[in-house]
Amino acid sequence: MQNEISSEKLEKYFNLTETAFVEVKKNIFEGKEVEAKEIIDMVRNYISDAHHFEDKGDWVNAFAALNYAHGWLDSGVRLKIFDVDDDRLFTIC
């Protein structure tokens, strides 16, 4: 059982979430701009928090903030706010 967040794992999830964040900002369904802005603001805040925690050496909370950020992105995809189809970046079914 792994009970630590490695630097490699943290870097992997920073890359994944930040790449997904760039993708959604380019692919907002027409008419969903208001909803998209709310999600984008939340994701931006959680990614900022993750960087803050990382800088403090608190990798557990950095990882948690990234997971919250990515959860917001996935919810926007599932709610048809973002028009993306990359199943490596998003939970798509």
N, C-alpha and C. Protein backbone atom coordinates (compact mmCIF):
# COMPACT_ATOMS: atom_id res chain seq x y z
N MET A 1 0.84 -1.18 0.00
CA MET A 1 0.00 0.00 0.00
C MET A 1 0.89 1.24 0.00
N GLN A 2 0.57 2.17 -0.88
CA GLN A 2 1.32 3.42 -0.95
C GLN A 2 0.61 4.46 -0.11
N ASN A 3 1.34 5.09 0.79
CA ASN A 3 0.72 6.11 1.62
C ASN A 3 1.44 7.45 1.53
N GLU A 4 2.16 7.64 0.43
CA GLU A 4 2.86 8.90 0.19
C GLU A 4 2.64 9.35 -1.24
N ILE A 5 2.77 10.63 -1.45
CA ILE A 5 2.70 11.20 -2.80
C ILE A 5 4.13 11.47 -3.25
N SER A 6 4.56 10.79 -4.30
CA SER A 6 5.91 11.00 -4.81
C SER A 6 5.96 12.26 -5.67
N SER A 7 7.15 12.78 -5.86
CA SER A 7 7.28 13.95 -6.73
C SER A 7 6.87 13.62 -8.16
N GLU A 8 7.14 12.39 -8.59
CA GLU A 8 6.76 11.95 -9.94
C GLU A 8 5.23 11.91 -10.09
N LYS A 9 4.56 11.40 -9.08
CA LYS A 9 3.10 11.32 -9.13
C LYS A 9 2.50 12.72 -9.13
N LEU A 10 3.02 13.60 -8.29
CA LEU A 10 2.51 14.96 -8.23
C LEU A 10 2.73 15.66 -9.56
N GLU A 11 3.90 15.51 -10.15
CA GLU A 11 4.19 16.12 -11.44
C GLU A 11 3.25 15.58 -12.52
N LYS A 12 3.02 14.26 -12.50
CA LYS A 12 2.12 13.65 -13.48
C LYS A 12 0.73 14.27 -13.41
N TYR A 13 0.20 14.47 -12.20
CA TYR A 13 -1.15 15.00 -12.05
C TYR A 13 -1.22 16.50 -12.28
N PHE A 14 -0.13 17.23 -12.00
CA PHE A 14 -0.09 18.63 -12.41
C PHE A 14 -0.18 18.71 -13.93
N ASN A 15 0.61 17.92 -14.62
CA ASN A 15 0.60 17.93 -16.09
C ASN A 15 -0.76 17.54 -16.64
N LEU A 16 -1.35 16.49 -16.12
CA LEU A 16 -2.65 16.02 -16.58
C LEU A 16 -3.73 17.09 -16.40
N THR A 17 -3.81 17.65 -15.21
CA THR A 17 -4.85 18.62 -14.91
C THR A 17 -4.64 19.93 -15.65
N GLU A 18 -3.41 20.39 -15.72
CA GLU A 18 -3.15 21.64 -16.43
C GLU A 18 -3.37 21.49 -17.94
N THR A 19 -3.05 20.33 -18.49
CA THR A 19 -3.32 20.07 -19.91
C THR A 19 -4.82 20.04 -20.17
N ALA A 20 -5.56 19.37 -19.30
CA ALA A 20 -7.02 19.31 -19.44
C ALA A 20 -7.63 20.69 -19.29
N PHE A 21 -7.08 21.51 -18.40
CA PHE A 21 -7.58 22.85 -18.18
C PHE A 21 -7.44 23.70 -19.45
N VAL A 22 -6.29 23.61 -20.09
CA VAL A 22 -6.08 24.34 -21.35
C VAL A 22 -7.10 23.89 -22.40
N GLU A 23 -7.33 22.59 -22.45
CA GLU A 23 -8.25 22.02 -23.45
C GLU A 23 -9.68 22.52 -23.27
N VAL A 24 -10.18 22.53 -22.04
CA VAL A 24 -11.57 22.95 -21.84
C VAL A 24 -11.77 24.43 -22.16
N LYS A 25 -10.78 25.24 -21.87
CA LYS A 25 -10.93 26.68 -22.12
C LYS A 25 -11.07 26.99 -23.60
N LYS A 26 -10.59 26.09 -24.45
CA LYS A 26 -10.70 26.27 -25.90
C LYS A 26 -11.97 25.66 -26.47
N ASN A 27 -12.71 24.90 -25.67
CA ASN A 27 -13.82 24.10 -26.19
C ASN A 27 -15.08 24.22 -25.34
N ILE A 28 -15.62 25.41 -25.28
CA ILE A 28 -16.84 25.66 -24.52
C ILE A 28 -18.03 25.59 -25.47
N PHE A 29 -19.04 24.79 -25.08
CA PHE A 29 -20.25 24.73 -25.89
C PHE A 29 -20.90 26.11 -25.95
N GLU A 30 -21.39 26.47 -27.13
CA GLU A 30 -22.08 27.74 -27.31
C GLU A 30 -23.28 27.80 -26.36
N GLY A 31 -23.43 28.94 -25.71
CA GLY A 31 -24.52 29.12 -24.77
C GLY A 31 -24.19 28.68 -23.35
N LYS A 32 -23.01 28.12 -23.15
CA LYS A 32 -22.61 27.63 -21.82
C LYS A 32 -21.47 28.45 -21.21
N GLU A 33 -21.27 29.65 -21.73
CA GLU A 33 -20.14 30.47 -21.29
C GLU A 33 -20.21 30.85 -19.81
N VAL A 34 -21.40 31.13 -19.30
CA VAL A 34 -21.55 31.52 -17.90
C VAL A 34 -21.16 30.35 -16.99
N GLU A 35 -21.68 29.17 -17.30
CA GLU A 35 -21.37 27.98 -16.51
C GLU A 35 -19.88 27.64 -16.62
N ALA A 36 -19.34 27.78 -17.83
CA ALA A 36 -17.92 27.49 -18.05
C ALA A 36 -17.05 28.42 -17.22
N LYS A 37 -17.41 29.70 -17.16
CA LYS A 37 -16.60 30.65 -16.39
C LYS A 37 -16.54 30.25 -14.92
N GLU A 38 -17.67 29.83 -14.38
CA GLU A 38 -17.70 29.43 -12.97
C GLU A 38 -16.77 28.24 -12.73
N ILE A 39 -16.83 27.26 -13.60
CA ILE A 39 -15.97 26.08 -13.47
C ILE A 39 -14.51 26.47 -13.66
N ILE A 40 -14.23 27.26 -14.68
CA ILE A 40 -12.86 27.68 -14.95
C ILE A 40 -12.27 28.44 -13.76
N ASP A 41 -13.06 29.31 -13.16
CA ASP A 41 -12.58 30.03 -11.98
C ASP A 41 -12.25 29.08 -10.83
N MET A 42 -13.12 28.11 -10.60
CA MET A 42 -12.87 27.14 -9.53
C MET A 42 -11.61 26.32 -9.81
N VAL A 43 -11.47 25.87 -11.04
CA VAL A 43 -10.30 25.07 -11.40
C VAL A 43 -9.03 25.90 -11.25
N ARG A 44 -9.07 27.13 -11.71
CA ARG A 44 -7.91 28.02 -11.58
C ARG A 44 -7.52 28.17 -10.11
N ASN A 45 -8.51 28.34 -9.25
CA ASN A 45 -8.24 28.49 -7.81
C ASN A 45 -7.64 27.22 -7.21
N TYR A 46 -8.19 26.07 -7.57
CA TYR A 46 -7.66 24.81 -7.03
C TYR A 46 -6.25 24.53 -7.54
N ILE A 47 -5.96 24.85 -8.80
CA ILE A 47 -4.61 24.65 -9.31
C ILE A 47 -3.64 25.61 -8.60
N SER A 48 -4.08 26.83 -8.37
CA SER A 48 -3.26 27.78 -7.62
C SER A 48 -2.99 27.25 -6.21
N ASP A 49 -4.03 26.73 -5.57
CA ASP A 49 -3.85 26.13 -4.24
C ASP A 49 -2.85 24.98 -4.29
N ALA A 50 -2.95 24.16 -5.32
CA ALA A 50 -2.04 23.01 -5.45
C ALA A 50 -0.59 23.49 -5.55
N HIS A 51 -0.36 24.53 -6.33
CA HIS A 51 1.00 25.08 -6.44
C HIS A 51 1.47 25.65 -5.10
N HIS A 52 0.57 26.31 -4.39
CA HIS A 52 0.90 26.85 -3.07
C HIS A 52 1.31 25.72 -2.12
N PHE A 53 0.51 24.67 -2.07
CA PHE A 53 0.83 23.54 -1.19
C PHE A 53 2.13 22.87 -1.61
N GLU A 54 2.33 22.73 -2.91
CA GLU A 54 3.58 22.12 -3.39
C GLU A 54 4.78 22.95 -2.94
N ASP A 55 4.69 24.25 -3.08
CA ASP A 55 5.78 25.14 -2.67
C ASP A 55 6.10 25.02 -1.19
N LYS A 56 5.07 24.73 -0.38
CA LYS A 56 5.26 24.55 1.06
C LYS A 56 5.74 23.14 1.41
N GLY A 57 5.82 22.25 0.40
CA GLY A 57 6.21 20.87 0.66
C GLY A 57 5.06 20.00 1.11
N ASP A 58 3.86 20.50 1.03
CA ASP A 58 2.67 19.76 1.45
C ASP A 58 2.07 19.06 0.22
N TRP A 59 2.69 17.96 -0.17
CA TRP A 59 2.31 17.27 -1.39
C TRP A 59 0.96 16.58 -1.29
N VAL A 60 0.56 16.19 -0.10
CA VAL A 60 -0.74 15.53 0.07
C VAL A 60 -1.86 16.52 -0.26
N ASN A 61 -1.79 17.72 0.29
CA ASN A 61 -2.84 18.70 0.00
C ASN A 61 -2.73 19.23 -1.43
N ALA A 62 -1.52 19.28 -1.99
CA ALA A 62 -1.36 19.66 -3.40
C ALA A 62 -2.08 18.64 -4.28
N PHE A 63 -1.87 17.37 -3.99
CA PHE A 63 -2.52 16.30 -4.76
C PHE A 63 -4.04 16.37 -4.60
N ALA A 64 -4.49 16.63 -3.38
CA ALA A 64 -5.94 16.75 -3.14
C ALA A 64 -6.53 17.91 -3.93
N ALA A 65 -5.85 19.05 -3.95
CA ALA A 65 -6.35 20.21 -4.69
C ALA A 65 -6.41 19.90 -6.18
N LEU A 66 -5.43 19.18 -6.70
CA LEU A 66 -5.46 18.79 -8.11
C LEU A 66 -6.63 17.88 -8.41
N ASN A 67 -6.93 16.98 -7.50
CA ASN A 67 -8.07 16.08 -7.70
C ASN A 67 -9.39 16.85 -7.68
N TYR A 68 -9.52 17.83 -6.82
CA TYR A 68 -10.72 18.68 -6.84
C TYR A 68 -10.80 19.44 -8.17
N ALA A 69 -9.68 20.00 -8.61
CA ALA A 69 -9.66 20.74 -9.88
C ALA A 69 -10.12 19.85 -11.02
N HIS A 70 -9.57 18.64 -11.06
CA HIS A 70 -9.92 17.75 -12.17
C HIS A 70 -11.36 17.27 -12.06
N GLY A 71 -11.86 17.13 -10.87
CA GLY A 71 -13.26 16.78 -10.69
C GLY A 71 -14.18 17.85 -11.27
N TRP A 72 -13.83 19.11 -11.07
CA TRP A 72 -14.61 20.20 -11.67
C TRP A 72 -14.57 20.10 -13.19
N LEU A 73 -13.39 19.82 -13.75
CA LEU A 73 -13.29 19.69 -15.21
C LEU A 73 -14.16 18.55 -15.72
N ASP A 74 -14.06 17.41 -15.07
CA ASP A 74 -14.86 16.26 -15.50
C ASP A 74 -16.36 16.54 -15.38
N SER A 75 -16.76 17.25 -14.34
CA SER A 75 -18.19 17.55 -14.22
C SER A 75 -18.65 18.46 -15.35
N GLY A 76 -17.81 19.42 -15.74
CA GLY A 76 -18.15 20.28 -16.87
C GLY A 76 -18.29 19.51 -18.17
N VAL A 77 -17.46 18.50 -18.33
CA VAL A 77 -17.55 17.65 -19.53
C VAL A 77 -18.85 16.85 -19.49
N ARG A 78 -19.12 16.23 -18.35
CA ARG A 78 -20.32 15.40 -18.23
C ARG A 78 -21.61 16.21 -18.36
N LEU A 79 -21.57 17.47 -17.95
CA LEU A 79 -22.75 18.33 -18.03
C LEU A 79 -22.85 19.05 -19.38
N LYS A 80 -21.97 18.67 -20.30
CA LYS A 80 -21.99 19.23 -21.67
C LYS A 80 -21.75 20.75 -21.69
N ILE A 81 -20.82 21.17 -20.85
CA ILE A 81 -20.39 22.56 -20.84
C ILE A 81 -19.14 22.70 -21.71
N PHE A 82 -18.31 21.66 -21.68
CA PHE A 82 -17.09 21.63 -22.48
C PHE A 82 -17.19 20.53 -23.52
N ASP A 83 -16.79 20.85 -24.73
CA ASP A 83 -16.88 19.93 -25.86
C ASP A 83 -15.51 19.30 -26.11
N VAL A 84 -15.20 18.27 -25.36
CA VAL A 84 -13.92 17.57 -25.47
C VAL A 84 -14.17 16.08 -25.62
N ASP A 85 -13.19 15.38 -26.19
CA ASP A 85 -13.38 13.95 -26.38
C ASP A 85 -12.12 13.13 -26.09
N ASP A 86 -11.18 13.71 -25.39
CA ASP A 86 -9.93 13.01 -25.07
C ASP A 86 -10.11 12.20 -23.78
N ASP A 87 -10.27 10.90 -23.93
CA ASP A 87 -10.53 10.06 -22.76
C ASP A 87 -9.26 9.79 -21.94
N ARG A 88 -8.13 10.34 -22.36
CA ARG A 88 -6.93 10.29 -21.53
C ARG A 88 -6.94 11.42 -20.50
N LEU A 89 -7.67 12.49 -20.83
CA LEU A 89 -7.73 13.66 -19.96
C LEU A 89 -9.01 13.76 -19.16
N PHE A 90 -10.08 13.15 -19.66
CA PHE A 90 -11.40 13.34 -19.05
C PHE A 90 -12.13 12.01 -18.90
N THR A 91 -13.05 11.99 -17.94
CA THR A 91 -13.93 10.83 -17.79
C THR A 91 -15.08 11.00 -18.77
N ILE A 92 -15.01 10.24 -19.84
CA ILE A 92 -16.01 10.33 -20.91
C ILE A 92 -16.62 8.95 -21.10
N CYS A 93 -17.96 8.91 -21.11
CA CYS A 93 -18.60 7.63 -21.41
C CYS A 93 -19.73 7.81 -22.38
